[in-house]
């Protein structure tokens, strides 16, 4: 089941490479919809790591993600895997038309 959340990019981390050339890149999102802001760690896997190349700290985004859980040595780990990120920066303008770009889609593919 896909989910989505809106927030501000707090930090984008470096790409991590594991066995069999598996790649992962994480980013920290700050949400302010509640009384107290929360930092949430998301991950992008394989080809989705390219979604983070255009993002920087302070960017307002809407993140579409899936939740997955795995068991290892009797412990369970939950992962939030982002598969689509939409920029919410209303200050961006299209120079040819002068219109504001309020919803730039960085990726259109559904999760694998």
PDB file of N, CA and C in Angstrom:
ATOM      1  N   UNK A   1       0.839  -1.168   0.000  1.00  0.00           N
ATOM      2  CA  UNK A   1       0.000   0.000   0.000  1.00  0.00           C
ATOM      3  C   UNK A   1       0.895   1.246   0.000  1.00  0.00           C
ATOM      4  N   UNK A   2       0.722   2.132  -0.979  1.00  0.00           N
ATOM      5  CA  UNK A   2       1.544   3.352  -1.029  1.00  0.00           C
ATOM      6  C   UNK A   2       1.019   4.433  -0.080  1.00  0.00           C
ATOM      7  N   UNK A   3       1.935   5.234   0.406  1.00  0.00           N
ATOM      8  CA  UNK A   3       1.638   6.352   1.296  1.00  0.00           C
ATOM      9  C   UNK A   3       2.301   7.596   0.734  1.00  0.00           C
ATOM     10  N   UNK A   4       1.912   8.781   1.241  1.00  0.00           N
ATOM     11  CA  UNK A   4       2.635   9.998   0.885  1.00  0.00           C
ATOM     12  C   UNK A   4       2.628  10.949   2.079  1.00  0.00           C
ATOM     13  N   UNK A   5       3.641  11.821   2.096  1.00  0.00           N
ATOM     14  CA  UNK A   5       3.807  12.765   3.197  1.00  0.00           C
ATOM     15  C   UNK A   5       4.496  14.011   2.656  1.00  0.00           C
ATOM     16  N   UNK A   6       4.178  15.150   3.230  1.00  0.00           N
ATOM     17  CA  UNK A   6       4.765  16.424   2.812  1.00  0.00           C
ATOM     18  C   UNK A   6       5.682  16.945   3.914  1.00  0.00           C
ATOM     19  N   UNK A   7       6.813  17.502   3.502  1.00  0.00           N
ATOM     20  CA  UNK A   7       7.751  18.057   4.464  1.00  0.00           C
ATOM     21  C   UNK A   7       8.882  18.786   3.777  1.00  0.00           C
ATOM     22  N   UNK A   8       9.921  19.065   4.547  1.00  0.00           N
ATOM     23  CA  UNK A   8      11.098  19.784   4.058  1.00  0.00           C
ATOM     24  C   UNK A   8      12.317  18.887   4.180  1.00  0.00           C
ATOM     25  N   UNK A   9      13.121  18.847   3.126  1.00  0.00           N
ATOM     26  CA  UNK A   9      14.354  18.055   3.150  1.00  0.00           C
ATOM     27  C   UNK A   9      15.295  18.667   4.191  1.00  0.00           C
ATOM     28  N   UNK A  10      15.730  17.854   5.132  1.00  0.00           N
ATOM     29  CA  UNK A  10      16.680  18.319   6.143  1.00  0.00           C
ATOM     30  C   UNK A  10      18.104  17.980   5.729  1.00  0.00           C
ATOM     31  N   UNK A  11      18.287  16.763   5.173  1.00  0.00           N
ATOM     32  CA  UNK A  11      19.626  16.336   4.752  1.00  0.00           C
ATOM     33  C   UNK A  11      19.511  15.199   3.758  1.00  0.00           C
ATOM     34  N   UNK A  12      20.408  15.189   2.761  1.00  0.00           N
ATOM     35  CA  UNK A  12      20.502  14.097   1.800  1.00  0.00           C
ATOM     36  C   UNK A  12      21.863  13.448   2.017  1.00  0.00           C
ATOM     37  N   UNK A  13      21.863  12.144   2.272  1.00  0.00           N
ATOM     38  CA  UNK A  13      23.095  11.427   2.582  1.00  0.00           C
ATOM     39  C   UNK A  13      23.735  10.850   1.319  1.00  0.00           C
ATOM     40  N   UNK A  14      24.968  10.405   1.452  1.00  0.00           N
ATOM     41  CA  UNK A  14      25.716   9.822   0.337  1.00  0.00           C
ATOM     42  C   UNK A  14      25.163   8.443  -0.033  1.00  0.00           C
ATOM     43  N   UNK A  15      25.472   8.007  -1.244  1.00  0.00           N
ATOM     44  CA  UNK A  15      25.066   6.688  -1.730  1.00  0.00           C
ATOM     45  C   UNK A  15      25.840   5.615  -0.981  1.00  0.00           C
ATOM     46  N   UNK A  16      25.143   4.565  -0.559  1.00  0.00           N
ATOM     47  CA  UNK A  16      25.771   3.409   0.078  1.00  0.00           C
ATOM     48  C   UNK A  16      25.723   2.245  -0.903  1.00  0.00           C
ATOM     49  N   UNK A  17      26.846   1.555  -1.078  1.00  0.00           N
ATOM     50  CA  UNK A  17      26.904   0.399  -1.972  1.00  0.00           C
ATOM     51  C   UNK A  17      27.171  -0.843  -1.150  1.00  0.00           C
ATOM     52  N   UNK A  18      26.377  -1.892  -1.406  1.00  0.00           N
ATOM     53  CA  UNK A  18      26.480  -3.148  -0.672  1.00  0.00           C
ATOM     54  C   UNK A  18      26.867  -4.276  -1.629  1.00  0.00           C
ATOM     55  N   UNK A  19      26.829  -5.513  -1.146  1.00  0.00           N
ATOM     56  CA  UNK A  19      27.168  -6.682  -1.953  1.00  0.00           C
ATOM     57  C   UNK A  19      26.309  -6.728  -3.216  1.00  0.00           C
ATOM     58  N   UNK A  20      26.864  -7.320  -4.259  1.00  0.00           N
ATOM     59  CA  UNK A  20      26.172  -7.466  -5.553  1.00  0.00           C
ATOM     60  C   UNK A  20      25.798  -6.119  -6.167  1.00  0.00           C
ATOM     61  N   UNK A  21      26.557  -5.053  -5.848  1.00  0.00           N
ATOM     62  CA  UNK A  21      26.369  -3.715  -6.387  1.00  0.00           C
ATOM     63  C   UNK A  21      24.988  -3.133  -6.071  1.00  0.00           C
ATOM     64  N   UNK A  22      24.385  -3.557  -4.956  1.00  0.00           N
ATOM     65  CA  UNK A  22      23.109  -3.014  -4.488  1.00  0.00           C
ATOM     66  C   UNK A  22      23.363  -1.630  -3.910  1.00  0.00           C
ATOM     67  N   UNK A  23      22.576  -0.627  -4.331  1.00  0.00           N
ATOM     68  CA  UNK A  23      22.792   0.748  -3.885  1.00  0.00           C
ATOM     69  C   UNK A  23      21.575   1.278  -3.139  1.00  0.00           C
ATOM     70  N   UNK A  24      21.870   2.124  -2.149  1.00  0.00           N
ATOM     71  CA  UNK A  24      20.841   2.746  -1.329  1.00  0.00           C
ATOM     72  C   UNK A  24      21.293   4.163  -0.994  1.00  0.00           C
ATOM     73  N   UNK A  25      20.327   5.086  -0.975  1.00  0.00           N
ATOM     74  CA  UNK A  25      20.621   6.463  -0.569  1.00  0.00           C
ATOM     75  C   UNK A  25      19.481   6.930   0.318  1.00  0.00           C
ATOM     76  N   UNK A  26      19.831   7.539   1.436  1.00  0.00           N
ATOM     77  CA  UNK A  26      18.829   7.955   2.402  1.00  0.00           C
ATOM     78  C   UNK A  26      18.744   9.480   2.479  1.00  0.00           C
ATOM     79  N   UNK A  27      17.583   9.948   2.945  1.00  0.00           N
ATOM     80  CA  UNK A  27      17.411  11.379   3.188  1.00  0.00           C
ATOM     81  C   UNK A  27      16.500  11.563   4.392  1.00  0.00           C
ATOM     82  N   UNK A  28      16.680  12.702   5.038  1.00  0.00           N
ATOM     83  CA  UNK A  28      15.920  13.041   6.238  1.00  0.00           C
ATOM     84  C   UNK A  28      14.893  14.106   5.868  1.00  0.00           C
ATOM     85  N   UNK A  29      13.627  13.833   6.204  1.00  0.00           N
ATOM     86  CA  UNK A  29      12.530  14.746   5.920  1.00  0.00           C
ATOM     87  C   UNK A  29      11.960  15.263   7.233  1.00  0.00           C
ATOM     88  N   UNK A  30      11.743  16.569   7.334  1.00  0.00           N
ATOM     89  CA  UNK A  30      11.132  17.160   8.526  1.00  0.00           C
ATOM     90  C   UNK A  30       9.684  17.493   8.200  1.00  0.00           C
ATOM     91  N   UNK A  31       8.759  16.933   8.993  1.00  0.00           N
ATOM     92  CA  UNK A  31       7.340  17.228   8.813  1.00  0.00           C
ATOM     93  C   UNK A  31       6.915  18.218   9.878  1.00  0.00           C
ATOM     94  N   UNK A  32       5.999  19.082   9.530  1.00  0.00           N
ATOM     95  CA  UNK A  32       5.535  20.094  10.473  1.00  0.00           C
ATOM     96  C   UNK A  32       4.019  20.100  10.580  1.00  0.00           C
ATOM     97  N   UNK A  33       3.382  18.985  10.222  1.00  0.00           N
ATOM     98  CA  UNK A  33       1.928  18.929  10.252  1.00  0.00           C
ATOM     99  C   UNK A  33       1.381  18.774  11.668  1.00  0.00           C
ATOM    100  N   UNK A  34       2.188  18.275  12.568  1.00  0.00           N
ATOM    101  CA  UNK A  34       1.767  18.114  13.953  1.00  0.00           C
ATOM    102  C   UNK A  34       2.272  19.286  14.800  1.00  0.00           C
ATOM    103  N   UNK A  35       1.959  19.237  16.088  1.00  0.00           N
ATOM    104  CA  UNK A  35       2.393  20.285  17.009  1.00  0.00           C
ATOM    105  C   UNK A  35       3.914  20.357  17.093  1.00  0.00           C
ATOM    106  N   UNK A  36       4.559  19.183  17.083  1.00  0.00           N
ATOM    107  CA  UNK A  36       6.016  19.123  17.165  1.00  0.00           C
ATOM    108  C   UNK A  36       6.571  18.550  15.860  1.00  0.00           C
ATOM    109  N   UNK A  37       7.500  19.266  15.204  1.00  0.00           N
ATOM    110  CA  UNK A  37       8.094  18.756  13.967  1.00  0.00           C
ATOM    111  C   UNK A  37       8.792  17.415  14.204  1.00  0.00           C
ATOM    112  N   UNK A  38       8.703  16.537  13.217  1.00  0.00           N
ATOM    113  CA  UNK A  38       9.320  15.219  13.303  1.00  0.00           C
ATOM    114  C   UNK A  38      10.295  15.036  12.145  1.00  0.00           C
ATOM    115  N   UNK A  39      11.446  14.417  12.415  1.00  0.00           N
ATOM    116  CA  UNK A  39      12.394  14.026  11.376  1.00  0.00           C
ATOM    117  C   UNK A  39      12.157  12.559  11.056  1.00  0.00           C
ATOM    118  N   UNK A  40      12.008  12.259   9.758  1.00  0.00           N
ATOM    119  CA  UNK A  40      11.739  10.892   9.319  1.00  0.00           C
ATOM    120  C   UNK A  40      12.787  10.505   8.287  1.00  0.00           C
ATOM    121  N   UNK A  41      13.386   9.327   8.456  1.00  0.00           N
ATOM    122  CA  UNK A  41      14.417   8.842   7.549  1.00  0.00           C
ATOM    123  C   UNK A  41      13.784   7.978   6.460  1.00  0.00           C
ATOM    124  N   UNK A  42      14.012   8.349   5.200  1.00  0.00           N
ATOM    125  CA  UNK A  42      13.537   7.600   4.043  1.00  0.00           C
ATOM    126  C   UNK A  42      14.733   7.061   3.278  1.00  0.00           C
ATOM    127  N   UNK A  43      14.501   6.011   2.507  1.00  0.00           N
ATOM    128  CA  UNK A  43      15.545   5.455   1.663  1.00  0.00           C
ATOM    129  C   UNK A  43      15.068   5.342   0.234  1.00  0.00           C
ATOM    130  N   UNK A  44      16.003   5.491  -0.698  1.00  0.00           N
ATOM    131  CA  UNK A  44      15.752   5.247  -2.112  1.00  0.00           C
ATOM    132  C   UNK A  44      16.656   4.090  -2.515  1.00  0.00           C
ATOM    133  N   UNK A  45      16.083   3.105  -3.189  1.00  0.00           N
ATOM    134  CA  UNK A  45      16.821   1.905  -3.559  1.00  0.00           C
ATOM    135  C   UNK A  45      17.084   1.845  -5.056  1.00  0.00           C
ATOM    136  N   UNK A  46      18.198   1.226  -5.409  1.00  0.00           N
ATOM    137  CA  UNK A  46      18.586   0.946  -6.796  1.00  0.00           C
ATOM    138  C   UNK A  46      18.503   2.186  -7.668  1.00  0.00           C
ATOM    139  N   UNK A  47      17.677   2.148  -8.732  1.00  0.00           N
ATOM    140  CA  UNK A  47      17.613   3.261  -9.676  1.00  0.00           C
ATOM    141  C   UNK A  47      16.896   4.485  -9.125  1.00  0.00           C
ATOM    142  N   UNK A  48      16.208   4.367  -8.003  1.00  0.00           N
ATOM    143  CA  UNK A  48      15.490   5.494  -7.406  1.00  0.00           C
ATOM    144  C   UNK A  48      16.418   6.470  -6.685  1.00  0.00           C
ATOM    145  N   UNK A  49      17.692   6.101  -6.494  1.00  0.00           N
ATOM    146  CA  UNK A  49      18.621   7.017  -5.826  1.00  0.00           C
ATOM    147  C   UNK A  49      18.825   8.297  -6.629  1.00  0.00           C
ATOM    148  N   UNK A  50      18.583   8.237  -7.943  1.00  0.00           N
ATOM    149  CA  UNK A  50      18.728   9.416  -8.784  1.00  0.00           C
ATOM    150  C   UNK A  50      17.683  10.484  -8.473  1.00  0.00           C
ATOM    151  N   UNK A  51      16.601  10.113  -7.797  1.00  0.00           N
ATOM    152  CA  UNK A  51      15.570  11.089  -7.416  1.00  0.00           C
ATOM    153  C   UNK A  51      16.141  12.176  -6.512  1.00  0.00           C
ATOM    154  N   UNK A  52      17.190  11.845  -5.783  1.00  0.00           N
ATOM    155  CA  UNK A  52      17.743  12.769  -4.789  1.00  0.00           C
ATOM    156  C   UNK A  52      18.795  13.714  -5.357  1.00  0.00           C
ATOM    157  N   UNK A  53      19.211  13.506  -6.601  1.00  0.00           N
ATOM    158  CA  UNK A  53      20.273  14.337  -7.180  1.00  0.00           C
ATOM    159  C   UNK A  53      19.883  15.806  -7.276  1.00  0.00           C
ATOM    160  N   UNK A  54      18.616  16.092  -7.527  1.00  0.00           N
ATOM    161  CA  UNK A  54      18.179  17.480  -7.711  1.00  0.00           C
ATOM    162  C   UNK A  54      17.721  18.134  -6.413  1.00  0.00           C
ATOM    163  N   UNK A  55      17.748  17.402  -5.305  1.00  0.00           N
ATOM    164  CA  UNK A  55      17.234  17.933  -4.042  1.00  0.00           C
ATOM    165  C   UNK A  55      18.351  18.399  -3.125  1.00  0.00           C
ATOM    166  N   UNK A  56      18.004  19.402  -2.303  1.00  0.00           N
ATOM    167  CA  UNK A  56      18.959  19.906  -1.319  1.00  0.00           C
ATOM    168  C   UNK A  56      18.204  20.277  -0.051  1.00  0.00           C
ATOM    169  N   UNK A  57      18.927  20.495   1.015  1.00  0.00           N
ATOM    170  CA  UNK A  57      18.318  20.870   2.290  1.00  0.00           C
ATOM    171  C   UNK A  57      17.480  22.131   2.108  1.00  0.00           C
ATOM    172  N   UNK A  58      16.286  22.120   2.691  1.00  0.00           N
ATOM    173  CA  UNK A  58      15.387  23.255   2.610  1.00  0.00           C
ATOM    174  C   UNK A  58      14.309  23.141   1.551  1.00  0.00           C
ATOM    175  N   UNK A  59      14.425  22.160   0.636  1.00  0.00           N
ATOM    176  CA  UNK A  59      13.414  21.976  -0.407  1.00  0.00           C
ATOM    177  C   UNK A  59      12.140  21.386   0.178  1.00  0.00           C
ATOM    178  N   UNK A  60      11.001  21.970  -0.164  1.00  0.00           N
ATOM    179  CA  UNK A  60       9.697  21.432   0.245  1.00  0.00           C
ATOM    180  C   UNK A  60       9.279  20.385  -0.778  1.00  0.00           C
ATOM    181  N   UNK A  61       8.904  19.192  -0.305  1.00  0.00           N
ATOM    182  CA  UNK A  61       8.578  18.079  -1.198  1.00  0.00           C
ATOM    183  C   UNK A  61       7.401  17.269  -0.675  1.00  0.00           C
ATOM    184  N   UNK A  62       6.807  16.511  -1.586  1.00  0.00           N
ATOM    185  CA  UNK A  62       5.811  15.505  -1.243  1.00  0.00           C
ATOM    186  C   UNK A  62       6.432  14.166  -1.619  1.00  0.00           C
ATOM    187  N   UNK A  63       6.579  13.269  -0.656  1.00  0.00           N
ATOM    188  CA  UNK A  63       7.249  11.981  -0.865  1.00  0.00           C
ATOM    189  C   UNK A  63       6.207  10.870  -0.904  1.00  0.00           C
ATOM    190  N   UNK A  64       6.254  10.065  -1.966  1.00  0.00           N
ATOM    191  CA  UNK A  64       5.421   8.870  -2.088  1.00  0.00           C
ATOM    192  C   UNK A  64       6.310   7.687  -1.721  1.00  0.00           C
ATOM    193  N   UNK A  65       5.823   6.824  -0.839  1.00  0.00           N
ATOM    194  CA  UNK A  65       6.677   5.758  -0.325  1.00  0.00           C
ATOM    195  C   UNK A  65       5.869   4.518   0.039  1.00  0.00           C
ATOM    196  N   UNK A  66       6.588   3.423   0.217  1.00  0.00           N
ATOM    197  CA  UNK A  66       6.035   2.163   0.698  1.00  0.00           C
ATOM    198  C   UNK A  66       6.708   1.826   2.015  1.00  0.00           C
ATOM    199  N   UNK A  67       6.012   1.081   2.844  1.00  0.00           N
ATOM    200  CA  UNK A  67       6.570   0.614   4.110  1.00  0.00           C
ATOM    201  C   UNK A  67       6.860  -0.868   3.978  1.00  0.00           C
ATOM    202  N   UNK A  68       8.068  -1.266   4.351  1.00  0.00           N
ATOM    203  CA  UNK A  68       8.412  -2.684   4.340  1.00  0.00           C
ATOM    204  C   UNK A  68       9.057  -3.056   5.672  1.00  0.00           C
ATOM    205  N   UNK A  69       8.945  -4.320   6.033  1.00  0.00           N
ATOM    206  CA  UNK A  69       9.509  -4.811   7.288  1.00  0.00           C
ATOM    207  C   UNK A  69      10.227  -6.120   7.005  1.00  0.00           C
ATOM    208  N   UNK A  70      11.347  -6.314   7.659  1.00  0.00           N
ATOM    209  CA  UNK A  70      12.086  -7.573   7.520  1.00  0.00           C
ATOM    210  C   UNK A  70      12.585  -8.012   8.887  1.00  0.00           C
ATOM    211  N   UNK A  71      12.734  -9.306   9.013  1.00  0.00           N
ATOM    212  CA  UNK A  71      13.208  -9.889  10.270  1.00  0.00           C
ATOM    213  C   UNK A  71      14.656 -10.327  10.092  1.00  0.00           C
ATOM    214  N   UNK A  72      15.480 -10.063  11.106  1.00  0.00           N
ATOM    215  CA  UNK A  72      16.872 -10.506  11.097  1.00  0.00           C
ATOM    216  C   UNK A  72      17.278 -10.796  12.537  1.00  0.00           C
ATOM    217  N   UNK A  73      17.685 -12.023  12.770  1.00  0.00           N
ATOM    218  CA  UNK A  73      18.111 -12.459  14.103  1.00  0.00           C
ATOM    219  C   UNK A  73      17.072 -12.172  15.185  1.00  0.00           C
ATOM    220  N   UNK A  74      15.823 -12.420  14.862  1.00  0.00           N
ATOM    221  CA  UNK A  74      14.764 -12.241  15.837  1.00  0.00           C
ATOM    222  C   UNK A  74      14.312 -10.815  16.061  1.00  0.00           C
ATOM    223  N   UNK A  75      14.882  -9.864  15.323  1.00  0.00           N
ATOM    224  CA  UNK A  75      14.478  -8.461  15.425  1.00  0.00           C
ATOM    225  C   UNK A  75      13.849  -8.035  14.101  1.00  0.00           C
ATOM    226  N   UNK A  76      12.930  -7.096  14.176  1.00  0.00           N
ATOM    227  CA  UNK A  76      12.253  -6.609  12.985  1.00  0.00           C
ATOM    228  C   UNK A  76      12.669  -5.173  12.686  1.00  0.00           C
ATOM    229  N   UNK A  77      12.898  -4.902  11.401  1.00  0.00           N
ATOM    230  CA  UNK A  77      13.343  -3.590  10.946  1.00  0.00           C
ATOM    231  C   UNK A  77      12.345  -3.053   9.920  1.00  0.00           C
ATOM    232  N   UNK A  78      11.912  -1.817  10.104  1.00  0.00           N
ATOM    233  CA  UNK A  78      10.959  -1.174   9.204  1.00  0.00           C
ATOM    234  C   UNK A  78      11.713  -0.190   8.315  1.00  0.00           C
ATOM    235  N   UNK A  79      11.409  -0.227   7.017  1.00  0.00           N
ATOM    236  CA  UNK A  79      12.022   0.684   6.056  1.00  0.00           C
ATOM    237  C   UNK A  79      10.946   1.488   5.354  1.00  0.00           C
ATOM    238  N   UNK A  80      11.218   2.758   5.121  1.00  0.00           N
ATOM    239  CA  UNK A  80      10.346   3.633   4.344  1.00  0.00           C
ATOM    240  C   UNK A  80      11.051   3.881   3.015  1.00  0.00           C
ATOM    241  N   UNK A  81      10.548   3.257   1.952  1.00  0.00           N
ATOM    242  CA  UNK A  81      11.195   3.305   0.643  1.00  0.00           C
ATOM    243  C   UNK A  81      10.478   4.285  -0.282  1.00  0.00           C
ATOM    244  N   UNK A  82      11.133   5.417  -0.573  1.00  0.00           N
ATOM    245  CA  UNK A  82      10.567   6.432  -1.458  1.00  0.00           C
ATOM    246  C   UNK A  82      10.691   5.983  -2.909  1.00  0.00           C
ATOM    247  N   UNK A  83       9.632   6.185  -3.687  1.00  0.00           N
ATOM    248  CA  UNK A  83       9.672   5.826  -5.110  1.00  0.00           C
ATOM    249  C   UNK A  83       9.237   6.972  -6.010  1.00  0.00           C
ATOM    250  N   UNK A  84       8.756   8.073  -5.417  1.00  0.00           N
ATOM    251  CA  UNK A  84       8.388   9.263  -6.186  1.00  0.00           C
ATOM    252  C   UNK A  84       8.516  10.471  -5.264  1.00  0.00           C
ATOM    253  N   UNK A  85       9.125  11.546  -5.768  1.00  0.00           N
ATOM    254  CA  UNK A  85       9.290  12.761  -4.977  1.00  0.00           C
ATOM    255  C   UNK A  85       8.853  13.942  -5.831  1.00  0.00           C
ATOM    256  N   UNK A  86       7.911  14.729  -5.317  1.00  0.00           N
ATOM    257  CA  UNK A  86       7.416  15.902  -6.028  1.00  0.00           C
ATOM    258  C   UNK A  86       7.887  17.156  -5.311  1.00  0.00           C
ATOM    259  N   UNK A  87       8.476  18.069  -6.055  1.00  0.00           N
ATOM    260  CA  UNK A  87       8.905  19.345  -5.495  1.00  0.00           C
ATOM    261  C   UNK A  87       7.690  20.238  -5.311  1.00  0.00           C
ATOM    262  N   UNK A  88       7.631  20.947  -4.187  1.00  0.00           N
ATOM    263  CA  UNK A  88       6.515  21.842  -3.897  1.00  0.00           C
ATOM    264  C   UNK A  88       6.933  23.296  -3.912  1.00  0.00           C
ATOM    265  N   UNK A  89       8.091  23.591  -4.450  1.00  0.00           N
ATOM    266  CA  UNK A  89       8.616  24.954  -4.455  1.00  0.00           C
ATOM    267  C   UNK A  89       7.817  25.877  -5.349  1.00  0.00           C
ATOM    268  N   UNK A  90       6.938  26.686  -4.790  1.00  0.00           N
ATOM    269  CA  UNK A  90       6.110  27.608  -5.569  1.00  0.00           C
ATOM    270  C   UNK A  90       6.902  28.806  -6.078  1.00  0.00           C
ATOM    271  N   UNK A  91       8.134  28.979  -5.596  1.00  0.00           N
ATOM    272  CA  UNK A  91       8.924  30.129  -6.034  1.00  0.00           C
ATOM    273  C   UNK A  91       9.598  29.878  -7.377  1.00  0.00           C
ATOM    274  N   UNK A  92       9.606  28.626  -7.850  1.00  0.00           N
ATOM    275  CA  UNK A  92      10.185  28.325  -9.158  1.00  0.00           C
ATOM    276  C   UNK A  92       9.265  28.852 -10.244  1.00  0.00           C
ATOM    277  N   UNK A  93       9.836  29.458 -11.288  1.00  0.00           N
ATOM    278  CA  UNK A  93       9.025  29.950 -12.386  1.00  0.00           C
ATOM    279  C   UNK A  93       9.555  29.418 -13.696  1.00  0.00           C
ATOM    280  N   UNK A  94       8.670  29.294 -14.656  1.00  0.00           N
ATOM    281  CA  UNK A  94       9.035  28.888 -15.997  1.00  0.00           C
ATOM    282  C   UNK A  94       9.375  30.164 -16.758  1.00  0.00           C
ATOM    283  N   UNK A  95      10.617  30.340 -17.168  1.00  0.00           N
ATOM    284  CA  UNK A  95      11.049  31.603 -17.760  1.00  0.00           C
ATOM    285  C   UNK A  95      10.362  31.890 -19.089  1.00  0.00           C
ATOM    286  N   UNK A  96       9.971  30.877 -19.830  1.00  0.00           N
ATOM    287  CA  UNK A  96       9.327  31.098 -21.122  1.00  0.00           C
ATOM    288  C   UNK A  96       7.907  31.630 -20.957  1.00  0.00           C
ATOM    289  N   UNK A  97       7.164  31.102 -19.997  1.00  0.00           N
ATOM    290  CA  UNK A  97       5.768  31.506 -19.847  1.00  0.00           C
ATOM    291  C   UNK A  97       5.537  32.435 -18.663  1.00  0.00           C
ATOM    292  N   UNK A  98       6.476  32.471 -17.712  1.00  0.00           N
ATOM    293  CA  UNK A  98       6.308  33.278 -16.524  1.00  0.00           C
ATOM    294  C   UNK A  98       5.380  32.661 -15.501  1.00  0.00           C
ATOM    295  N   UNK A  99       4.924  31.446 -15.754  1.00  0.00           N
ATOM    296  CA  UNK A  99       4.014  30.771 -14.842  1.00  0.00           C
ATOM    297  C   UNK A  99       4.792  30.077 -13.737  1.00  0.00           C
ATOM    298  N   UNK A 100       4.200  30.017 -12.566  1.00  0.00           N
ATOM    299  CA  UNK A 100       4.835  29.328 -11.437  1.00  0.00           C
ATOM    300  C   UNK A 100       4.731  27.835 -11.624  1.00  0.00           C
ATOM    301  N   UNK A 101       5.794  27.144 -11.313  1.00  0.00           N
ATOM    302  CA  UNK A 101       5.802  25.694 -11.344  1.00  0.00           C
ATOM    303  C   UNK A 101       5.658  25.230  -9.910  1.00  0.00           C
ATOM    304  N   UNK A 102       4.475  24.730  -9.555  1.00  0.00           N
ATOM    305  CA  UNK A 102       4.240  24.377  -8.159  1.00  0.00           C
ATOM    306  C   UNK A 102       4.295  22.877  -7.915  1.00  0.00           C
ATOM    307  N   UNK A 103       4.356  22.086  -8.977  1.00  0.00           N
ATOM    308  CA  UNK A 103       4.336  20.639  -8.786  1.00  0.00           C
ATOM    309  C   UNK A 103       5.204  19.972  -9.837  1.00  0.00           C
ATOM    310  N   UNK A 104       6.495  19.932  -9.618  1.00  0.00           N
ATOM    311  CA  UNK A 104       7.417  19.324 -10.548  1.00  0.00           C
ATOM    312  C   UNK A 104       7.607  17.868 -10.153  1.00  0.00           C
ATOM    313  N   UNK A 105       7.256  16.952 -11.044  1.00  0.00           N
ATOM    314  CA  UNK A 105       7.384  15.534 -10.765  1.00  0.00           C
ATOM    315  C   UNK A 105       8.790  15.096 -11.143  1.00  0.00           C
ATOM    316  N   UNK A 106       9.507  14.510 -10.180  1.00  0.00           N
ATOM    317  CA  UNK A 106      10.875  14.074 -10.424  1.00  0.00           C
ATOM    318  C   UNK A 106      10.935  12.637 -10.899  1.00  0.00           C
ATOM    319  N   UNK A 107       9.846  11.880 -10.739  1.00  0.00           N
ATOM    320  CA  UNK A 107       9.827  10.505 -11.185  1.00  0.00           C
ATOM    321  C   UNK A 107       8.377  10.066 -11.332  1.00  0.00           C
ATOM    322  N   UNK A 108       8.078   9.295 -12.356  1.00  0.00           N
ATOM    323  CA  UNK A 108       6.704   8.865 -12.608  1.00  0.00           C
ATOM    324  C   UNK A 108       6.499   7.384 -12.390  1.00  0.00           C
ATOM    325  N   UNK A 109       7.550   6.601 -12.224  1.00  0.00           N
ATOM    326  CA  UNK A 109       7.412   5.159 -12.149  1.00  0.00           C
ATOM    327  C   UNK A 109       6.881   4.696 -10.800  1.00  0.00           C
ATOM    328  N   UNK A 110       6.013   3.677 -10.820  1.00  0.00           N
ATOM    329  CA  UNK A 110       5.547   3.095  -9.547  1.00  0.00           C
ATOM    330  C   UNK A 110       6.647   2.260  -8.925  1.00  0.00           C
ATOM    331  N   UNK A 111       6.469   1.847  -7.677  1.00  0.00           N
ATOM    332  CA  UNK A 111       7.508   1.050  -7.028  1.00  0.00           C
ATOM    333  C   UNK A 111       7.689  -0.291  -7.708  1.00  0.00           C
ATOM    334  N   UNK A 112       8.852  -0.878  -7.556  1.00  0.00           N
ATOM    335  CA  UNK A 112       9.138  -2.168  -8.190  1.00  0.00           C
ATOM    336  C   UNK A 112       8.459  -3.295  -7.469  1.00  0.00           C
TER     337      UNK A 112
END
